[in-house]
Amino acid sequence: MGLGLRRALLPELLAADPAPFDFLECAPDNWVGIGGLAAEQLRTLSRRVPLTCHGLSLSLGGVAPLDREFLAATRRFLDAHEVALYSEHLSWCDDGAQLYELLPLPHSEEAVRHVAARIRQAQDALGRRIAIENVSRYATPPAGASPMSEADFVRAVLAEADCDLLLDVNNVQVNALNVGVDARAFIAAMPSARIACLHVAGHDTHESGLRIDTHGRPVDEAVWALLAHAYACHGPRPTLLERDSQLPPLAVLADELARIRAVRDAATAMPA
């Protein structure tokens, strides 16, 4: 089981013995070019446990040319830390400048071809397959803008780009509540052979009832149930706990990691 690496947790992560996690995940966007003590601490951790990386700013669904300089720097970072899994979002986040939001794409054949071509370019530049993450949504697109279902769109991108999937279970639940996606059917429809990793996290509820993917709360019970469903459908996968804000002590996060293991073991022990 994995844990998102946040700088505020570095002292506890370094002191953890034994570590309650099997791997750590960091965003290279926040580490490329960083030196000094923080870089040394990251190096120490990546020598102890495997490191995975999750990108934030490639804007795979955008229209601006991919940032080749950033891709080259990211490749050097991944190689230096012997990172086996690099993932990014199936979204766009750049309109001449970073928008600091992961905006969903229309679910259309044109969007499939567009984003798949950019994923292939990114894979070539990085020298490795990448996994794309299904993203949270907060509004329904205009009629006709998304003729495909989200599940069909994701499957089509995976096939066209020949890439892998990071299945974010929390995002599936957020979309179920916000835009009416059938969460269990979406998870079951994902191609098992493409799933490289799972993510779970907590989300906030706006006063309007909208669910916001903040990674600022403990995983809720509905997401735990969907995680069990994902394991039952697709078998065990590396699973990461994301927590970006309101960080509790590592011991509290360790309890959630232990629950991931318990959910996995219970779901995969059930007879077919």
C-alpha atoms as a PDB file:
ATOM      1  CA  MET A   1       0.000   0.000   0.000  1.00  0.00           C
ATOM      2  CA  GLY A   2       1.276   3.460  -0.853  1.00  0.00           C
ATOM      3  CA  LEU A   3       1.113   6.934   0.609  1.00  0.00           C
ATOM      4  CA  GLY A   4       1.334  10.335  -1.021  1.00  0.00           C
ATOM      5  CA  LEU A   5       4.622  11.987  -0.132  1.00  0.00           C
ATOM      6  CA  ARG A   6       4.070  15.488   1.262  1.00  0.00           C
ATOM      7  CA  ARG A   7       6.931  17.635   2.528  1.00  0.00           C
ATOM      8  CA  ALA A   8       5.161  18.233   5.838  1.00  0.00           C
ATOM      9  CA  LEU A   9       5.369  14.475   6.432  1.00  0.00           C
ATOM     10  CA  LEU A  10       9.076  14.117   5.603  1.00  0.00           C
ATOM     11  CA  PRO A  11      10.346  13.913   9.214  1.00  0.00           C
ATOM     12  CA  GLU A  12       7.782  11.245  10.114  1.00  0.00           C
ATOM     13  CA  LEU A  13       8.332   9.303   6.899  1.00  0.00           C
ATOM     14  CA  LEU A  14      12.079   9.232   7.487  1.00  0.00           C
ATOM     15  CA  ALA A  15      11.656   8.163  11.106  1.00  0.00           C
ATOM     16  CA  ALA A  16       9.080   5.427  10.410  1.00  0.00           C
ATOM     17  CA  ASP A  17      10.559   2.062  11.344  1.00  0.00           C
ATOM     18  CA  PRO A  18       8.986  -0.161  10.262  1.00  0.00           C
ATOM     19  CA  ALA A  19       7.310   1.899   7.584  1.00  0.00           C
ATOM     20  CA  PRO A  20       3.519   1.436   7.340  1.00  0.00           C
ATOM     21  CA  PHE A  21       3.711   1.924   3.551  1.00  0.00           C
ATOM     22  CA  ASP A  22       5.106  -0.190   0.717  1.00  0.00           C
ATOM     23  CA  PHE A  23       5.766   2.719  -1.641  1.00  0.00           C
ATOM     24  CA  LEU A  24       5.531   6.498  -1.774  1.00  0.00           C
ATOM     25  CA  GLU A  25       4.167   8.717  -4.523  1.00  0.00           C
ATOM     26  CA  CYS A  26       5.342  12.238  -5.304  1.00  0.00           C
ATOM     27  CA  ALA A  27       4.549  14.845  -7.927  1.00  0.00           C
ATOM     28  CA  PRO A  28       7.742  15.492  -9.920  1.00  0.00           C
ATOM     29  CA  ASP A  29       6.290  18.908 -10.873  1.00  0.00           C
ATOM     30  CA  ASN A  30       6.953  19.933  -7.260  1.00  0.00           C
ATOM     31  CA  TRP A  31      10.431  18.355  -7.034  1.00  0.00           C
ATOM     32  CA  VAL A  32      12.237  18.888 -10.334  1.00  0.00           C
ATOM     33  CA  GLY A  33      14.996  21.408  -9.690  1.00  0.00           C
ATOM     34  CA  ILE A  34      14.689  21.220  -5.919  1.00  0.00           C
ATOM     35  CA  GLY A  35      17.993  20.820  -4.082  1.00  0.00           C
ATOM     36  CA  GLY A  36      19.268  21.069  -0.551  1.00  0.00           C
ATOM     37  CA  LEU A  37      17.903  19.178   2.434  1.00  0.00           C
ATOM     38  CA  ALA A  38      14.538  18.336   0.870  1.00  0.00           C
ATOM     39  CA  ALA A  39      16.231  16.701  -2.133  1.00  0.00           C
ATOM     40  CA  GLU A  40      18.506  14.689   0.160  1.00  0.00           C
ATOM     41  CA  GLN A  41      15.530  13.534   2.209  1.00  0.00           C
ATOM     42  CA  LEU A  42      13.697  12.454  -0.941  1.00  0.00           C
ATOM     43  CA  ARG A  43      16.789  10.572  -2.107  1.00  0.00           C
ATOM     44  CA  THR A  44      17.013   8.797   1.253  1.00  0.00           C
ATOM     45  CA  LEU A  45      13.368   7.740   1.045  1.00  0.00           C
ATOM     46  CA  SER A  46      13.592   6.569  -2.576  1.00  0.00           C
ATOM     47  CA  ARG A  47      16.532   4.341  -1.621  1.00  0.00           C
ATOM     48  CA  ARG A  48      14.476   2.757   1.160  1.00  0.00           C
ATOM     49  CA  VAL A  49      11.143   2.211  -0.590  1.00  0.00           C
ATOM     50  CA  PRO A  50       9.970   2.312  -4.209  1.00  0.00           C
ATOM     51  CA  LEU A  51       8.863   5.713  -5.472  1.00  0.00           C
ATOM     52  CA  THR A  52       6.046   6.290  -7.944  1.00  0.00           C
ATOM     53  CA  CYS A  53       5.270   9.628  -9.555  1.00  0.00           C
ATOM     54  CA  HIS A  54       2.022  11.408 -10.352  1.00  0.00           C
ATOM     55  CA  GLY A  55       2.119  14.393 -12.696  1.00  0.00           C
ATOM     56  CA  LEU A  56       0.005  17.506 -12.289  1.00  0.00           C
ATOM     57  CA  SER A  57       0.718  19.851 -15.173  1.00  0.00           C
ATOM     58  CA  LEU A  58       1.291  18.098 -18.510  1.00  0.00           C
ATOM     59  CA  SER A  59      -2.211  19.065 -19.698  1.00  0.00           C
ATOM     60  CA  LEU A  60      -2.506  15.945 -21.834  1.00  0.00           C
ATOM     61  CA  GLY A  61      -5.899  17.056 -23.114  1.00  0.00           C
ATOM     62  CA  GLY A  62      -4.866  20.628 -23.890  1.00  0.00           C
ATOM     63  CA  VAL A  63      -4.040  22.228 -27.212  1.00  0.00           C
ATOM     64  CA  ALA A  64      -0.753  23.968 -26.413  1.00  0.00           C
ATOM     65  CA  PRO A  65       2.334  21.945 -27.445  1.00  0.00           C
ATOM     66  CA  LEU A  66       3.605  19.621 -24.751  1.00  0.00           C
ATOM     67  CA  ASP A  67       6.418  21.151 -22.709  1.00  0.00           C
ATOM     68  CA  ARG A  68       9.392  19.203 -24.065  1.00  0.00           C
ATOM     69  CA  GLU A  69      11.829  20.782 -21.638  1.00  0.00           C
ATOM     70  CA  PHE A  70       9.689  19.796 -18.673  1.00  0.00           C
ATOM     71  CA  LEU A  71       9.239  16.278 -20.068  1.00  0.00           C
ATOM     72  CA  ALA A  72      13.016  15.906 -20.395  1.00  0.00           C
ATOM     73  CA  ALA A  73      13.529  17.116 -16.818  1.00  0.00           C
ATOM     74  CA  THR A  74      10.821  14.741 -15.618  1.00  0.00           C
ATOM     75  CA  ARG A  75      12.469  11.834 -17.419  1.00  0.00           C
ATOM     76  CA  ARG A  76      15.770  12.610 -15.699  1.00  0.00           C
ATOM     77  CA  PHE A  77      13.978  12.722 -12.343  1.00  0.00           C
ATOM     78  CA  LEU A  78      12.203   9.403 -12.971  1.00  0.00           C
ATOM     79  CA  ASP A  79      15.439   7.752 -14.076  1.00  0.00           C
ATOM     80  CA  ALA A  80      17.400   9.128 -11.118  1.00  0.00           C
ATOM     81  CA  HIS A  81      14.891   7.698  -8.643  1.00  0.00           C
ATOM     82  CA  GLU A  82      14.277   4.478 -10.618  1.00  0.00           C
ATOM     83  CA  VAL A  83      10.557   5.203 -10.873  1.00  0.00           C
ATOM     84  CA  ALA A  84       8.614   2.354 -12.449  1.00  0.00           C
ATOM     85  CA  LEU A  85       5.170   4.006 -12.527  1.00  0.00           C
ATOM     86  CA  TYR A  86       4.446   7.522 -13.775  1.00  0.00           C
ATOM     87  CA  SER A  87       0.871   8.723 -14.086  1.00  0.00           C
ATOM     88  CA  GLU A  88      -0.946  11.830 -15.257  1.00  0.00           C
ATOM     89  CA  HIS A  89      -4.528  13.043 -15.508  1.00  0.00           C
ATOM     90  CA  LEU A  90      -6.944  12.544 -18.377  1.00  0.00           C
ATOM     91  CA  SER A  91      -7.676  16.264 -18.428  1.00  0.00           C
ATOM     92  CA  TRP A  92      -6.396  19.669 -19.485  1.00  0.00           C
ATOM     93  CA  CYS A  93      -5.044  22.350 -17.195  1.00  0.00           C
ATOM     94  CA  ASP A  94      -3.329  24.909 -19.427  1.00  0.00           C
ATOM     95  CA  ASP A  95      -4.770  27.787 -21.440  1.00  0.00           C
ATOM     96  CA  GLY A  96      -1.620  29.756 -22.117  1.00  0.00           C
ATOM     97  CA  ALA A  97      -0.812  29.515 -18.414  1.00  0.00           C
ATOM     98  CA  GLN A  98      -1.442  26.970 -15.677  1.00  0.00           C
ATOM     99  CA  LEU A  99      -5.075  27.052 -14.524  1.00  0.00           C
ATOM    100  CA  TYR A 100      -4.373  24.956 -11.412  1.00  0.00           C
ATOM    101  CA  GLU A 101      -7.470  22.925 -12.126  1.00  0.00           C
ATOM    102  CA  LEU A 102      -7.785  19.509 -13.751  1.00  0.00           C
ATOM    103  CA  LEU A 103     -10.562  20.106 -16.258  1.00  0.00           C
ATOM    104  CA  PRO A 104     -12.376  17.175 -17.892  1.00  0.00           C
ATOM    105  CA  LEU A 105     -12.478  16.549 -21.625  1.00  0.00           C
ATOM    106  CA  PRO A 106     -15.513  16.057 -23.853  1.00  0.00           C
ATOM    107  CA  HIS A 107     -16.226  12.382 -24.363  1.00  0.00           C
ATOM    108  CA  SER A 108     -15.988  12.268 -28.139  1.00  0.00           C
ATOM    109  CA  GLU A 109     -14.076  10.412 -30.844  1.00  0.00           C
ATOM    110  CA  GLU A 110     -12.260  13.641 -31.738  1.00  0.00           C
ATOM    111  CA  ALA A 111     -11.110  14.053 -28.116  1.00  0.00           C
ATOM    112  CA  VAL A 112      -9.987  10.410 -28.052  1.00  0.00           C
ATOM    113  CA  ARG A 113      -7.739  10.925 -31.074  1.00  0.00           C
ATOM    114  CA  HIS A 114      -6.418  14.241 -29.761  1.00  0.00           C
ATOM    115  CA  VAL A 115      -5.498  13.153 -26.250  1.00  0.00           C
ATOM    116  CA  ALA A 116      -4.236   9.727 -27.330  1.00  0.00           C
ATOM    117  CA  ALA A 117      -1.770  11.344 -29.752  1.00  0.00           C
ATOM    118  CA  ARG A 118      -0.475  13.565 -26.949  1.00  0.00           C
ATOM    119  CA  ILE A 119      -0.168  10.624 -24.563  1.00  0.00           C
ATOM    120  CA  ARG A 120       1.901   8.774 -27.153  1.00  0.00           C
ATOM    121  CA  GLN A 121       4.138  11.844 -27.520  1.00  0.00           C
ATOM    122  CA  ALA A 122       4.571  12.014 -23.746  1.00  0.00           C
ATOM    123  CA  GLN A 123       5.394   8.308 -23.529  1.00  0.00           C
ATOM    124  CA  ASP A 124       8.016   8.654 -26.250  1.00  0.00           C
ATOM    125  CA  ALA A 125       9.586  11.651 -24.496  1.00  0.00           C
ATOM    126  CA  LEU A 126       9.563   9.944 -21.091  1.00  0.00           C
ATOM    127  CA  GLY A 127      10.815   6.618 -22.430  1.00  0.00           C
ATOM    128  CA  ARG A 128       8.138   4.623 -20.594  1.00  0.00           C
ATOM    129  CA  ARG A 129       4.459   3.777 -20.549  1.00  0.00           C
ATOM    130  CA  ILE A 130       2.354   6.049 -18.420  1.00  0.00           C
ATOM    131  CA  ALA A 131      -0.945   5.572 -16.631  1.00  0.00           C
ATOM    132  CA  ILE A 132      -3.766   8.079 -17.050  1.00  0.00           C
ATOM    133  CA  GLU A 133      -6.162   8.908 -14.226  1.00  0.00           C
ATOM    134  CA  ASN A 134      -9.923   9.301 -14.544  1.00  0.00           C
ATOM    135  CA  VAL A 135     -10.760  12.747 -13.172  1.00  0.00           C
ATOM    136  CA  SER A 136     -13.529  14.228 -11.050  1.00  0.00           C
ATOM    137  CA  ARG A 137     -16.266  16.301 -12.674  1.00  0.00           C
ATOM    138  CA  TYR A 138     -18.480  19.045 -11.305  1.00  0.00           C
ATOM    139  CA  ALA A 139     -20.907  19.749 -14.146  1.00  0.00           C
ATOM    140  CA  THR A 140     -22.657  17.950 -16.987  1.00  0.00           C
ATOM    141  CA  PRO A 141     -21.449  19.054 -20.452  1.00  0.00           C
ATOM    142  CA  PRO A 142     -23.926  20.614 -22.915  1.00  0.00           C
ATOM    143  CA  ALA A 143     -26.099  18.232 -24.893  1.00  0.00           C
ATOM    144  CA  GLY A 144     -24.152  16.648 -27.736  1.00  0.00           C
ATOM    145  CA  ALA A 145     -20.712  17.631 -26.420  1.00  0.00           C
ATOM    146  CA  SER A 146     -20.043  14.169 -25.002  1.00  0.00           C
ATOM    147  CA  PRO A 147     -21.716  11.530 -27.182  1.00  0.00           C
ATOM    148  CA  MET A 148     -19.715   8.751 -25.503  1.00  0.00           C
ATOM    149  CA  SER A 149     -20.079   7.565 -21.931  1.00  0.00           C
ATOM    150  CA  GLU A 150     -17.155   8.267 -19.618  1.00  0.00           C
ATOM    151  CA  ALA A 151     -16.351   4.549 -19.425  1.00  0.00           C
ATOM    152  CA  ASP A 152     -16.341   4.181 -23.214  1.00  0.00           C
ATOM    153  CA  PHE A 153     -14.201   7.312 -23.533  1.00  0.00           C
ATOM    154  CA  VAL A 154     -11.593   6.099 -21.047  1.00  0.00           C
ATOM    155  CA  ARG A 155     -11.429   2.657 -22.670  1.00  0.00           C
ATOM    156  CA  ALA A 156     -11.044   4.196 -26.114  1.00  0.00           C
ATOM    157  CA  VAL A 157      -8.194   6.458 -24.982  1.00  0.00           C
ATOM    158  CA  LEU A 158      -6.399   3.535 -23.333  1.00  0.00           C
ATOM    159  CA  ALA A 159      -6.624   1.484 -26.523  1.00  0.00           C
ATOM    160  CA  GLU A 160      -5.717   4.320 -28.920  1.00  0.00           C
ATOM    161  CA  ALA A 161      -2.773   5.544 -26.824  1.00  0.00           C
ATOM    162  CA  ASP A 162      -1.662   2.074 -25.696  1.00  0.00           C
ATOM    163  CA  CYS A 163      -1.218   3.312 -22.140  1.00  0.00           C
ATOM    164  CA  ASP A 164      -2.276   2.189 -18.676  1.00  0.00           C
ATOM    165  CA  LEU A 165      -4.928   3.343 -16.214  1.00  0.00           C
ATOM    166  CA  LEU A 166      -4.681   4.778 -12.748  1.00  0.00           C
ATOM    167  CA  LEU A 167      -8.180   4.090 -11.455  1.00  0.00           C
ATOM    168  CA  ASP A 168      -9.088   6.756  -8.900  1.00  0.00           C
ATOM    169  CA  VAL A 169     -11.909   5.242  -6.873  1.00  0.00           C
ATOM    170  CA  ASN A 170     -12.670   8.468  -5.038  1.00  0.00           C
ATOM    171  CA  ASN A 171     -13.120  10.315  -8.339  1.00  0.00           C
ATOM    172  CA  VAL A 172     -15.607   7.671  -9.444  1.00  0.00           C
ATOM    173  CA  GLN A 173     -17.638   8.254  -6.282  1.00  0.00           C
ATOM    174  CA  VAL A 174     -17.429  12.052  -6.674  1.00  0.00           C
ATOM    175  CA  ASN A 175     -18.739  11.743 -10.238  1.00  0.00           C
ATOM    176  CA  ALA A 176     -21.503   9.396  -9.157  1.00  0.00           C
ATOM    177  CA  LEU A 177     -22.758  12.002  -6.698  1.00  0.00           C
ATOM    178  CA  ASN A 178     -22.144  15.059  -8.882  1.00  0.00           C
ATOM    179  CA  VAL A 179     -23.202  13.959 -12.364  1.00  0.00           C
ATOM    180  CA  GLY A 180     -24.939  10.603 -11.899  1.00  0.00           C
ATOM    181  CA  VAL A 181     -22.275   8.165 -13.068  1.00  0.00           C
ATOM    182  CA  ASP A 182     -23.050   4.557 -12.069  1.00  0.00           C
ATOM    183  CA  ALA A 183     -19.957   4.060  -9.920  1.00  0.00           C
ATOM    184  CA  ARG A 184     -20.012   0.274  -9.707  1.00  0.00           C
ATOM    185  CA  ALA A 185     -20.703  -0.135 -13.426  1.00  0.00           C
ATOM    186  CA  PHE A 186     -17.900   2.299 -14.313  1.00  0.00           C
ATOM    187  CA  ILE A 187     -15.379   0.377 -12.231  1.00  0.00           C
ATOM    188  CA  ALA A 188     -16.506  -2.968 -13.624  1.00  0.00           C
ATOM    189  CA  ALA A 189     -16.205  -1.614 -17.185  1.00  0.00           C
ATOM    190  CA  MET A 190     -12.532  -0.719 -16.850  1.00  0.00           C
ATOM    191  CA  PRO A 191     -10.102  -3.124 -18.571  1.00  0.00           C
ATOM    192  CA  SER A 192      -8.324  -5.123 -15.867  1.00  0.00           C
ATOM    193  CA  ALA A 193      -5.179  -5.601 -17.919  1.00  0.00           C
ATOM    194  CA  ARG A 194      -4.661  -1.828 -18.125  1.00  0.00           C
ATOM    195  CA  ILE A 195      -5.064  -1.007 -14.420  1.00  0.00           C
ATOM    196  CA  ALA A 196      -1.638  -0.194 -12.993  1.00  0.00           C
ATOM    197  CA  CYS A 197      -2.702   1.362  -9.698  1.00  0.00           C
ATOM    198  CA  LEU A 198      -5.677   2.490  -7.627  1.00  0.00           C
ATOM    199  CA  HIS A 199      -6.120   5.732  -5.677  1.00  0.00           C
ATOM    200  CA  VAL A 200      -8.382   6.382  -2.701  1.00  0.00           C
ATOM    201  CA  ALA A 201      -8.902   9.661  -0.894  1.00  0.00           C
ATOM    202  CA  GLY A 202     -11.412  11.764   0.977  1.00  0.00           C
ATOM    203  CA  HIS A 203     -13.524  14.559  -0.443  1.00  0.00           C
ATOM    204  CA  ASP A 204     -15.448  17.555   0.864  1.00  0.00           C
ATOM    205  CA  THR A 205     -19.103  18.431   0.453  1.00  0.00           C
ATOM    206  CA  HIS A 206     -19.959  22.005  -0.521  1.00  0.00           C
ATOM    207  CA  GLU A 207     -23.032  23.597   1.052  1.00  0.00           C
ATOM    208  CA  SER A 208     -24.736  23.134  -2.337  1.00  0.00           C
ATOM    209  CA  GLY A 209     -24.227  19.384  -2.055  1.00  0.00           C
ATOM    210  CA  LEU A 210     -21.470  19.297  -4.682  1.00  0.00           C
ATOM    211  CA  ARG A 211     -18.638  16.920  -3.817  1.00  0.00           C
ATOM    212  CA  ILE A 212     -15.166  18.416  -4.188  1.00  0.00           C
ATOM    213  CA  ASP A 213     -12.108  16.181  -4.657  1.00  0.00           C
ATOM    214  CA  THR A 214      -9.919  17.893  -2.036  1.00  0.00           C
ATOM    215  CA  HIS A 215      -7.961  14.936  -0.603  1.00  0.00           C
ATOM    216  CA  GLY A 216      -8.448  16.731   2.704  1.00  0.00           C
ATOM    217  CA  ARG A 217     -10.490  14.215   4.691  1.00  0.00           C
ATOM    218  CA  PRO A 218     -10.412  10.533   5.615  1.00  0.00           C
ATOM    219  CA  VAL A 219     -11.715   8.078   3.029  1.00  0.00           C
ATOM    220  CA  ASP A 220     -15.478   7.764   3.440  1.00  0.00           C
ATOM    221  CA  GLU A 221     -17.478   4.553   3.683  1.00  0.00           C
ATOM    222  CA  ALA A 222     -18.871   4.703   0.153  1.00  0.00           C
ATOM    223  CA  VAL A 223     -15.332   4.882  -1.263  1.00  0.00           C
ATOM    224  CA  TRP A 224     -14.231   1.951   0.903  1.00  0.00           C
ATOM    225  CA  ALA A 225     -17.132  -0.063  -0.535  1.00  0.00           C
ATOM    226  CA  LEU A 226     -16.149   0.913  -4.088  1.00  0.00           C
ATOM    227  CA  LEU A 227     -12.547  -0.059  -3.391  1.00  0.00           C
ATOM    228  CA  ALA A 228     -13.726  -3.522  -2.363  1.00  0.00           C
ATOM    229  CA  HIS A 229     -15.736  -3.662  -5.588  1.00  0.00           C
ATOM    230  CA  ALA A 230     -12.652  -2.697  -7.612  1.00  0.00           C
ATOM    231  CA  TYR A 231     -10.625  -5.482  -6.028  1.00  0.00           C
ATOM    232  CA  ALA A 232     -13.440  -7.976  -6.595  1.00  0.00           C
ATOM    233  CA  CYS A 233     -13.660  -6.969 -10.268  1.00  0.00           C
ATOM    234  CA  HIS A 234      -9.979  -6.631 -11.105  1.00  0.00           C
ATOM    235  CA  GLY A 235      -7.955  -8.331  -8.379  1.00  0.00           C
ATOM    236  CA  PRO A 236      -5.358  -6.737  -6.103  1.00  0.00           C
ATOM    237  CA  ARG A 237      -3.512  -3.704  -7.411  1.00  0.00           C
ATOM    238  CA  PRO A 238      -1.021  -1.307  -5.814  1.00  0.00           C
ATOM    239  CA  THR A 239      -3.237   1.175  -3.986  1.00  0.00           C
ATOM    240  CA  LEU A 240      -2.350   4.681  -2.884  1.00  0.00           C
ATOM    241  CA  LEU A 241      -3.850   6.774  -0.100  1.00  0.00           C
ATOM    242  CA  GLU A 242      -3.913  10.466  -1.097  1.00  0.00           C
ATOM    243  CA  ARG A 243      -3.986  13.179   1.536  1.00  0.00           C
ATOM    244  CA  ASP A 244      -3.039  16.705   0.479  1.00  0.00           C
ATOM    245  CA  SER A 245      -4.399  18.969   3.223  1.00  0.00           C
ATOM    246  CA  GLN A 246      -5.340  18.892   6.895  1.00  0.00           C
ATOM    247  CA  LEU A 247      -2.598  16.304   7.270  1.00  0.00           C
ATOM    248  CA  PRO A 248      -2.966  14.155  10.385  1.00  0.00           C
ATOM    249  CA  PRO A 249      -0.025  12.389  12.067  1.00  0.00           C
ATOM    250  CA  LEU A 250       1.477   9.491  10.172  1.00  0.00           C
ATOM    251  CA  ALA A 251      -0.034   7.074  12.706  1.00  0.00           C
ATOM    252  CA  VAL A 252      -3.532   8.130  11.626  1.00  0.00           C
ATOM    253  CA  LEU A 253      -2.666   7.654   7.956  1.00  0.00           C
ATOM    254  CA  ALA A 254      -1.175   4.276   8.854  1.00  0.00           C
ATOM    255  CA  ASP A 255      -4.587   3.201  10.152  1.00  0.00           C
ATOM    256  CA  GLU A 256      -6.129   4.016   6.769  1.00  0.00           C
ATOM    257  CA  LEU A 257      -3.337   2.117   5.015  1.00  0.00           C
ATOM    258  CA  ALA A 258      -4.084  -0.862   7.238  1.00  0.00           C
ATOM    259  CA  ARG A 259      -7.734  -0.630   6.246  1.00  0.00           C
ATOM    260  CA  ILE A 260      -6.773  -0.687   2.554  1.00  0.00           C
ATOM    261  CA  ARG A 261      -4.961  -3.963   3.208  1.00  0.00           C
ATOM    262  CA  ALA A 262      -7.947  -5.338   5.096  1.00  0.00           C
ATOM    263  CA  VAL A 263     -10.373  -4.378   2.308  1.00  0.00           C
ATOM    264  CA  ARG A 264      -8.085  -5.909  -0.305  1.00  0.00           C
ATOM    265  CA  ASP A 265      -7.644  -9.136   1.617  1.00  0.00           C
ATOM    266  CA  ALA A 266     -11.367  -9.506   2.307  1.00  0.00           C
ATOM    267  CA  ALA A 267     -12.404  -8.720  -1.264  1.00  0.00           C
ATOM    268  CA  THR A 268      -9.851 -10.985  -2.931  1.00  0.00           C
ATOM    269  CA  ALA A 269     -10.547 -13.867  -0.522  1.00  0.00           C
ATOM    270  CA  MET A 270     -14.202 -14.023  -1.554  1.00  0.00           C
ATOM    271  CA  PRO A 271     -15.138 -16.952  -3.824  1.00  0.00           C
ATOM    272  CA  ALA A 272     -15.679 -16.029  -7.446  1.00  0.00           C
END
